Amino acid sequence: MEKEKSSLYDKLPLELLAGFYYEINKNIEKGILSGAMYHEIRLMEHTALRRGISLEYLYDKGARIIESEKLLRETIMQH
């Protein structure tokens, strides 16, 4: 059996992986990023699945992380 090659995403903590996954998906949906980013999405999905993380959980966690970051930035900018 051939061992799967690892990617950069295998080394990322869950929070970063989830944030990247969410942002890249949103940007593809908006047409901001090219379809070539689907390759990156697939690499992230393979990493998540190897870790036993569902893609729904990864996306939802990414959404929460990004939303928290936006709120934090807004709070900082107001002060």
PDB file of N, CA and C in Angstrom:
ATOM      1  N   MET A   1       0.848  -1.187   0.000  1.00  0.00           N
ATOM      2  CA  MET A   1       0.000   0.000   0.000  1.00  0.00           C
ATOM      3  C   MET A   1       0.888   1.244   0.000  1.00  0.00           C
ATOM      4  N   GLU A   2       0.587   2.167  -0.889  1.00  0.00           N
ATOM      5  CA  GLU A   2       1.382   3.385  -1.002  1.00  0.00           C
ATOM      6  C   GLU A   2       0.969   4.389   0.070  1.00  0.00           C
ATOM      7  N   LYS A   3       1.950   4.956   0.734  1.00  0.00           N
ATOM      8  CA  LYS A   3       1.679   5.953   1.770  1.00  0.00           C
ATOM      9  C   LYS A   3       1.305   7.275   1.113  1.00  0.00           C
ATOM     10  N   GLU A   4       0.250   7.910   1.621  1.00  0.00           N
ATOM     11  CA  GLU A   4      -0.157   9.205   1.087  1.00  0.00           C
ATOM     12  C   GLU A   4       0.881  10.251   1.445  1.00  0.00           C
ATOM     13  N   LYS A   5       1.113  11.147   0.484  1.00  0.00           N
ATOM     14  CA  LYS A   5       2.037  12.243   0.750  1.00  0.00           C
ATOM     15  C   LYS A   5       1.373  13.238   1.687  1.00  0.00           C
ATOM     16  N   SER A   6       2.181  13.799   2.563  1.00  0.00           N
ATOM     17  CA  SER A   6       1.627  14.809   3.462  1.00  0.00           C
ATOM     18  C   SER A   6       1.730  16.172   2.792  1.00  0.00           C
ATOM     19  N   SER A   7       0.961  17.095   3.289  1.00  0.00           N
ATOM     20  CA  SER A   7       0.979  18.457   2.760  1.00  0.00           C
ATOM     21  C   SER A   7       1.244  19.420   3.908  1.00  0.00           C
ATOM     22  N   LEU A   8       1.433  20.646   3.569  1.00  0.00           N
ATOM     23  CA  LEU A   8       1.621  21.705   4.560  1.00  0.00           C
ATOM     24  C   LEU A   8       0.454  21.712   5.542  1.00  0.00           C
ATOM     25  N   TYR A   9      -0.736  21.433   5.041  1.00  0.00           N
ATOM     26  CA  TYR A   9      -1.928  21.479   5.882  1.00  0.00           C
ATOM     27  C   TYR A   9      -1.893  20.448   7.002  1.00  0.00           C
ATOM     28  N   ASP A  10      -1.153  19.356   6.804  1.00  0.00           N
ATOM     29  CA  ASP A  10      -1.037  18.341   7.849  1.00  0.00           C
ATOM     30  C   ASP A  10      -0.332  18.885   9.091  1.00  0.00           C
ATOM     31  N   LYS A  11       0.458  19.916   8.915  1.00  0.00           N
ATOM     32  CA  LYS A  11       1.240  20.476  10.021  1.00  0.00           C
ATOM     33  C   LYS A  11       0.525  21.627  10.726  1.00  0.00           C
ATOM     34  N   LEU A  12      -0.581  22.099  10.163  1.00  0.00           N
ATOM     35  CA  LEU A  12      -1.275  23.242  10.742  1.00  0.00           C
ATOM     36  C   LEU A  12      -2.145  22.844  11.925  1.00  0.00           C
ATOM     37  N   PRO A  13      -2.238  23.729  12.912  1.00  0.00           N
ATOM     38  CA  PRO A  13      -3.206  23.488  13.988  1.00  0.00           C
ATOM     39  C   PRO A  13      -4.627  23.588  13.411  1.00  0.00           C
ATOM     40  N   LEU A  14      -5.554  22.951  14.068  1.00  0.00           N
ATOM     41  CA  LEU A  14      -6.936  22.910  13.594  1.00  0.00           C
ATOM     42  C   LEU A  14      -7.499  24.307  13.313  1.00  0.00           C
ATOM     43  N   GLU A  15      -7.207  25.261  14.175  1.00  0.00           N
ATOM     44  CA  GLU A  15      -7.762  26.606  14.015  1.00  0.00           C
ATOM     45  C   GLU A  15      -7.328  27.239  12.695  1.00  0.00           C
ATOM     46  N   LEU A  16      -6.055  27.101  12.348  1.00  0.00           N
ATOM     47  CA  LEU A  16      -5.579  27.664  11.085  1.00  0.00           C
ATOM     48  C   LEU A  16      -6.144  26.913   9.893  1.00  0.00           C
ATOM     49  N   LEU A  17      -6.160  25.604   9.971  1.00  0.00           N
ATOM     50  CA  LEU A  17      -6.719  24.792   8.895  1.00  0.00           C
ATOM     51  C   LEU A  17      -8.175  25.170   8.648  1.00  0.00           C
ATOM     52  N   ALA A  18      -8.951  25.274   9.719  1.00  0.00           N
ATOM     53  CA  ALA A  18     -10.368  25.617   9.600  1.00  0.00           C
ATOM     54  C   ALA A  18     -10.555  27.013   9.022  1.00  0.00           C
ATOM     55  N   GLY A  19      -9.767  27.966   9.484  1.00  0.00           N
ATOM     56  CA  GLY A  19      -9.865  29.333   8.975  1.00  0.00           C
ATOM     57  C   GLY A  19      -9.541  29.415   7.489  1.00  0.00           C
ATOM     58  N   PHE A  20      -8.464  28.761   7.074  1.00  0.00           N
ATOM     59  CA  PHE A  20      -8.106  28.731   5.651  1.00  0.00           C
ATOM     60  C   PHE A  20      -9.211  28.066   4.838  1.00  0.00           C
ATOM     61  N   TYR A  21      -9.707  26.947   5.325  1.00  0.00           N
ATOM     62  CA  TYR A  21     -10.740  26.192   4.614  1.00  0.00           C
ATOM     63  C   TYR A  21     -11.975  27.064   4.382  1.00  0.00           C
ATOM     64  N   TYR A  22     -12.401  27.735   5.432  1.00  0.00           N
ATOM     65  CA  TYR A  22     -13.580  28.597   5.334  1.00  0.00           C
ATOM     66  C   TYR A  22     -13.339  29.752   4.367  1.00  0.00           C
ATOM     67  N   GLU A  23     -12.241  30.447   4.535  1.00  0.00           N
ATOM     68  CA  GLU A  23     -11.959  31.621   3.700  1.00  0.00           C
ATOM     69  C   GLU A  23     -11.805  31.255   2.221  1.00  0.00           C
ATOM     70  N   ILE A  24     -11.102  30.193   1.937  1.00  0.00           N
ATOM     71  CA  ILE A  24     -10.925  29.795   0.537  1.00  0.00           C
ATOM     72  C   ILE A  24     -12.265  29.401  -0.067  1.00  0.00           C
ATOM     73  N   ASN A  25     -13.076  28.661   0.671  1.00  0.00           N
ATOM     74  CA  ASN A  25     -14.410  28.308   0.169  1.00  0.00           C
ATOM     75  C   ASN A  25     -15.252  29.551  -0.107  1.00  0.00           C
ATOM     76  N   LYS A  26     -15.253  30.498   0.814  1.00  0.00           N
ATOM     77  CA  LYS A  26     -16.047  31.718   0.624  1.00  0.00           C
ATOM     78  C   LYS A  26     -15.547  32.506  -0.583  1.00  0.00           C
ATOM     79  N   ASN A  27     -14.243  32.592  -0.757  1.00  0.00           N
ATOM     80  CA  ASN A  27     -13.700  33.343  -1.882  1.00  0.00           C
ATOM     81  C   ASN A  27     -13.962  32.652  -3.218  1.00  0.00           C
ATOM     82  N   ILE A  28     -13.968  31.351  -3.248  1.00  0.00           N
ATOM     83  CA  ILE A  28     -14.331  30.631  -4.470  1.00  0.00           C
ATOM     84  C   ILE A  28     -15.797  30.910  -4.798  1.00  0.00           C
ATOM     85  N   GLU A  29     -16.669  30.848  -3.775  1.00  0.00           N
ATOM     86  CA  GLU A  29     -18.092  31.121  -3.984  1.00  0.00           C
ATOM     87  C   GLU A  29     -18.320  32.525  -4.540  1.00  0.00           C
ATOM     88  N   LYS A  30     -17.538  33.490  -4.075  1.00  0.00           N
ATOM     89  CA  LYS A  30     -17.667  34.878  -4.531  1.00  0.00           C
ATOM     90  C   LYS A  30     -17.002  35.109  -5.883  1.00  0.00           C
ATOM     91  N   GLY A  31     -16.257  34.121  -6.379  1.00  0.00           N
ATOM     92  CA  GLY A  31     -15.559  34.284  -7.648  1.00  0.00           C
ATOM     93  C   GLY A  31     -14.249  35.035  -7.529  1.00  0.00           C
ATOM     94  N   ILE A  32     -13.793  35.240  -6.298  1.00  0.00           N
ATOM     95  CA  ILE A  32     -12.553  35.983  -6.059  1.00  0.00           C
ATOM     96  C   ILE A  32     -11.331  35.119  -6.384  1.00  0.00           C
ATOM     97  N   LEU A  33     -11.406  33.842  -6.045  1.00  0.00           N
ATOM     98  CA  LEU A  33     -10.292  32.932  -6.309  1.00  0.00           C
ATOM     99  C   LEU A  33     -10.650  31.992  -7.443  1.00  0.00           C
ATOM    100  N   SER A  34      -9.643  31.556  -8.129  1.00  0.00           N
ATOM    101  CA  SER A  34      -9.856  30.685  -9.282  1.00  0.00           C
ATOM    102  C   SER A  34     -10.221  29.269  -8.867  1.00  0.00           C
ATOM    103  N   GLY A  35     -10.690  28.523  -9.830  1.00  0.00           N
ATOM    104  CA  GLY A  35     -10.998  27.129  -9.615  1.00  0.00           C
ATOM    105  C   GLY A  35      -9.776  26.316  -9.247  1.00  0.00           C
ATOM    106  N   ALA A  36      -8.588  26.845  -9.516  1.00  0.00           N
ATOM    107  CA  ALA A  36      -7.352  26.138  -9.155  1.00  0.00           C
ATOM    108  C   ALA A  36      -7.248  25.960  -7.649  1.00  0.00           C
ATOM    109  N   MET A  37      -7.958  26.782  -6.911  1.00  0.00           N
ATOM    110  CA  MET A  37      -7.924  26.662  -5.456  1.00  0.00           C
ATOM    111  C   MET A  37      -8.637  25.408  -4.978  1.00  0.00           C
ATOM    112  N   TYR A  38      -9.390  24.763  -5.880  1.00  0.00           N
ATOM    113  CA  TYR A  38     -10.031  23.506  -5.496  1.00  0.00           C
ATOM    114  C   TYR A  38      -8.985  22.466  -5.096  1.00  0.00           C
ATOM    115  N   HIS A  39      -7.815  22.527  -5.697  1.00  0.00           N
ATOM    116  CA  HIS A  39      -6.739  21.602  -5.323  1.00  0.00           C
ATOM    117  C   HIS A  39      -6.358  21.815  -3.858  1.00  0.00           C
ATOM    118  N   GLU A  40      -6.246  23.074  -3.458  1.00  0.00           N
ATOM    119  CA  GLU A  40      -5.910  23.391  -2.066  1.00  0.00           C
ATOM    120  C   GLU A  40      -7.021  22.911  -1.132  1.00  0.00           C
ATOM    121  N   ILE A  41      -8.266  23.114  -1.543  1.00  0.00           N
ATOM    122  CA  ILE A  41      -9.403  22.656  -0.743  1.00  0.00           C
ATOM    123  C   ILE A  41      -9.321  21.145  -0.539  1.00  0.00           C
ATOM    124  N   ARG A  42      -9.011  20.425  -1.610  1.00  0.00           N
ATOM    125  CA  ARG A  42      -8.923  18.958  -1.515  1.00  0.00           C
ATOM    126  C   ARG A  42      -7.812  18.538  -0.549  1.00  0.00           C
ATOM    127  N   LEU A  43      -6.676  19.230  -0.586  1.00  0.00           N
ATOM    128  CA  LEU A  43      -5.592  18.919   0.350  1.00  0.00           C
ATOM    129  C   LEU A  43      -6.049  19.131   1.792  1.00  0.00           C
ATOM    130  N   MET A  44      -6.765  20.225   2.029  1.00  0.00           N
ATOM    131  CA  MET A  44      -7.279  20.501   3.373  1.00  0.00           C
ATOM    132  C   MET A  44      -8.292  19.442   3.788  1.00  0.00           C
ATOM    133  N   GLU A  45      -9.142  19.043   2.852  1.00  0.00           N
ATOM    134  CA  GLU A  45     -10.139  18.026   3.161  1.00  0.00           C
ATOM    135  C   GLU A  45      -9.485  16.691   3.505  1.00  0.00           C
ATOM    136  N   HIS A  46      -8.445  16.326   2.774  1.00  0.00           N
ATOM    137  CA  HIS A  46      -7.729  15.083   3.081  1.00  0.00           C
ATOM    138  C   HIS A  46      -7.108  15.145   4.473  1.00  0.00           C
ATOM    139  N   THR A  47      -6.540  16.291   4.811  1.00  0.00           N
ATOM    140  CA  THR A  47      -5.955  16.456   6.143  1.00  0.00           C
ATOM    141  C   THR A  47      -7.026  16.299   7.216  1.00  0.00           C
ATOM    142  N   ALA A  48      -8.151  16.975   7.033  1.00  0.00           N
ATOM    143  CA  ALA A  48      -9.231  16.895   8.021  1.00  0.00           C
ATOM    144  C   ALA A  48      -9.712  15.457   8.178  1.00  0.00           C
ATOM    145  N   LEU A  49      -9.929  14.787   7.066  1.00  0.00           N
ATOM    146  CA  LEU A  49     -10.429  13.414   7.131  1.00  0.00           C
ATOM    147  C   LEU A  49      -9.425  12.477   7.784  1.00  0.00           C
ATOM    148  N   ARG A  50      -8.136  12.684   7.520  1.00  0.00           N
ATOM    149  CA  ARG A  50      -7.112  11.866   8.184  1.00  0.00           C
ATOM    150  C   ARG A  50      -7.134  12.101   9.692  1.00  0.00           C
ATOM    151  N   ARG A  51      -7.485  13.315  10.102  1.00  0.00           N
ATOM    152  CA  ARG A  51      -7.559  13.632  11.528  1.00  0.00           C
ATOM    153  C   ARG A  51      -8.897  13.225  12.139  1.00  0.00           C
ATOM    154  N   GLY A  52      -9.807  12.737  11.325  1.00  0.00           N
ATOM    155  CA  GLY A  52     -11.114  12.332  11.830  1.00  0.00           C
ATOM    156  C   GLY A  52     -12.059  13.502  12.037  1.00  0.00           C
ATOM    157  N   ILE A  53     -11.857  14.584  11.298  1.00  0.00           N
ATOM    158  CA  ILE A  53     -12.673  15.790  11.426  1.00  0.00           C
ATOM    159  C   ILE A  53     -13.609  15.865  10.229  1.00  0.00           C
ATOM    160  N   SER A  54     -14.901  16.035  10.484  1.00  0.00           N
ATOM    161  CA  SER A  54     -15.843  16.146   9.371  1.00  0.00           C
ATOM    162  C   SER A  54     -15.656  17.486   8.668  1.00  0.00           C
ATOM    163  N   LEU A  55     -15.997  17.511   7.395  1.00  0.00           N
ATOM    164  CA  LEU A  55     -15.856  18.749   6.621  1.00  0.00           C
ATOM    165  C   LEU A  55     -16.841  19.808   7.100  1.00  0.00           C
ATOM    166  N   GLU A  56     -18.006  19.387   7.567  1.00  0.00           N
ATOM    167  CA  GLU A  56     -18.980  20.333   8.110  1.00  0.00           C
ATOM    168  C   GLU A  56     -18.431  21.006   9.367  1.00  0.00           C
ATOM    169  N   TYR A  57     -17.813  20.188  10.231  1.00  0.00           N
ATOM    170  CA  TYR A  57     -17.225  20.741  11.446  1.00  0.00           C
ATOM    171  C   TYR A  57     -16.098  21.710  11.096  1.00  0.00           C
ATOM    172  N   LEU A  58     -15.260  21.324  10.142  1.00  0.00           N
ATOM    173  CA  LEU A  58     -14.144  22.177   9.726  1.00  0.00           C
ATOM    174  C   LEU A  58     -14.652  23.518   9.216  1.00  0.00           C
ATOM    175  N   TYR A  59     -15.677  23.489   8.376  1.00  0.00           N
ATOM    176  CA  TYR A  59     -16.239  24.715   7.807  1.00  0.00           C
ATOM    177  C   TYR A  59     -16.858  25.583   8.902  1.00  0.00           C
ATOM    178  N   ASP A  60     -17.671  24.956   9.766  1.00  0.00           N
ATOM    179  CA  ASP A  60     -18.326  25.705  10.842  1.00  0.00           C
ATOM    180  C   ASP A  60     -17.312  26.301  11.811  1.00  0.00           C
ATOM    181  N   LYS A  61     -16.300  25.535  12.154  1.00  0.00           N
ATOM    182  CA  LYS A  61     -15.256  26.046  13.051  1.00  0.00           C
ATOM    183  C   LYS A  61     -14.531  27.217  12.395  1.00  0.00           C
ATOM    184  N   GLY A  62     -14.236  27.086  11.111  1.00  0.00           N
ATOM    185  CA  GLY A  62     -13.591  28.175  10.376  1.00  0.00           C
ATOM    186  C   GLY A  62     -14.449  29.426  10.372  1.00  0.00           C
ATOM    187  N   ALA A  63     -15.747  29.254  10.161  1.00  0.00           N
ATOM    188  CA  ALA A  63     -16.659  30.404  10.157  1.00  0.00           C
ATOM    189  C   ALA A  63     -16.650  31.110  11.511  1.00  0.00           C
ATOM    190  N   ARG A  64     -16.683  30.321  12.586  1.00  0.00           N
ATOM    191  CA  ARG A  64     -16.663  30.915  13.935  1.00  0.00           C
ATOM    192  C   ARG A  64     -15.352  31.645  14.206  1.00  0.00           C
ATOM    193  N   ILE A  65     -14.244  31.061  13.785  1.00  0.00           N
ATOM    194  CA  ILE A  65     -12.935  31.679  14.001  1.00  0.00           C
ATOM    195  C   ILE A  65     -12.827  32.993  13.241  1.00  0.00           C
ATOM    196  N   ILE A  66     -13.209  32.976  11.984  1.00  0.00           N
ATOM    197  CA  ILE A  66     -13.126  34.188  11.156  1.00  0.00           C
ATOM    198  C   ILE A  66     -14.037  35.269  11.708  1.00  0.00           C
ATOM    199  N   GLU A  67     -15.247  34.893  12.112  1.00  0.00           N
ATOM    200  CA  GLU A  67     -16.180  35.865  12.678  1.00  0.00           C
ATOM    201  C   GLU A  67     -15.626  36.467  13.969  1.00  0.00           C
ATOM    202  N   SER A  68     -15.017  35.652  14.815  1.00  0.00           N
ATOM    203  CA  SER A  68     -14.402  36.147  16.057  1.00  0.00           C
ATOM    204  C   SER A  68     -13.282  37.128  15.759  1.00  0.00           C
ATOM    205  N   GLU A  69     -12.466  36.800  14.763  1.00  0.00           N
ATOM    206  CA  GLU A  69     -11.364  37.691  14.378  1.00  0.00           C
ATOM    207  C   GLU A  69     -11.887  39.029  13.875  1.00  0.00           C
ATOM    208  N   LYS A  70     -12.948  38.995  13.085  1.00  0.00           N
ATOM    209  CA  LYS A  70     -13.534  40.242  12.575  1.00  0.00           C
ATOM    210  C   LYS A  70     -14.059  41.099  13.721  1.00  0.00           C
ATOM    211  N   LEU A  71     -14.751  40.470  14.664  1.00  0.00           N
ATOM    212  CA  LEU A  71     -15.280  41.203  15.804  1.00  0.00           C
ATOM    213  C   LEU A  71     -14.151  41.801  16.643  1.00  0.00           C
ATOM    214  N   LEU A  72     -13.106  41.033  16.836  1.00  0.00           N
ATOM    215  CA  LEU A  72     -11.966  41.516  17.605  1.00  0.00           C
ATOM    216  C   LEU A  72     -11.337  42.732  16.926  1.00  0.00           C
ATOM    217  N   ARG A  73     -11.138  42.644  15.600  1.00  0.00           N
ATOM    218  CA  ARG A  73     -10.553  43.774  14.856  1.00  0.00           C
ATOM    219  C   ARG A  73     -11.437  45.003  14.955  1.00  0.00           C
ATOM    220  N   GLU A  74     -12.753  44.815  14.823  1.00  0.00           N
ATOM    221  CA  GLU A  74     -13.673  45.944  14.918  1.00  0.00           C
ATOM    222  C   GLU A  74     -13.596  46.593  16.293  1.00  0.00           C
ATOM    223  N   THR A  75     -13.524  45.785  17.328  1.00  0.00           N
ATOM    224  CA  THR A  75     -13.436  46.294  18.700  1.00  0.00           C
ATOM    225  C   THR A  75     -12.162  47.089  18.888  1.00  0.00           C
ATOM    226  N   ILE A  76     -11.059  46.560  18.389  1.00  0.00           N
ATOM    227  CA  ILE A  76      -9.762  47.254  18.512  1.00  0.00           C
ATOM    228  C   ILE A  76      -9.780  48.572  17.753  1.00  0.00           C
ATOM    229  N   MET A  77     -10.364  48.567  16.563  1.00  0.00           N
ATOM    230  CA  MET A  77     -10.402  49.776  15.733  1.00  0.00           C
ATOM    231  C   MET A  77     -11.258  50.872  16.358  1.00  0.00           C
ATOM    232  N   GLN A  78     -12.252  50.501  17.151  1.00  0.00           N
ATOM    233  CA  GLN A  78     -13.140  51.478  17.776  1.00  0.00           C
ATOM    234  C   GLN A  78     -12.500  52.162  18.968  1.00  0.00           C
ATOM    235  N   HIS A  79     -11.434  51.591  19.487  1.00  0.00           N
ATOM    236  CA  HIS A  79     -10.792  52.172  20.693  1.00  0.00           C
ATOM    237  C   HIS A  79      -9.558  52.899  20.350  1.00  0.00           C
TER     238      HIS A  79
END
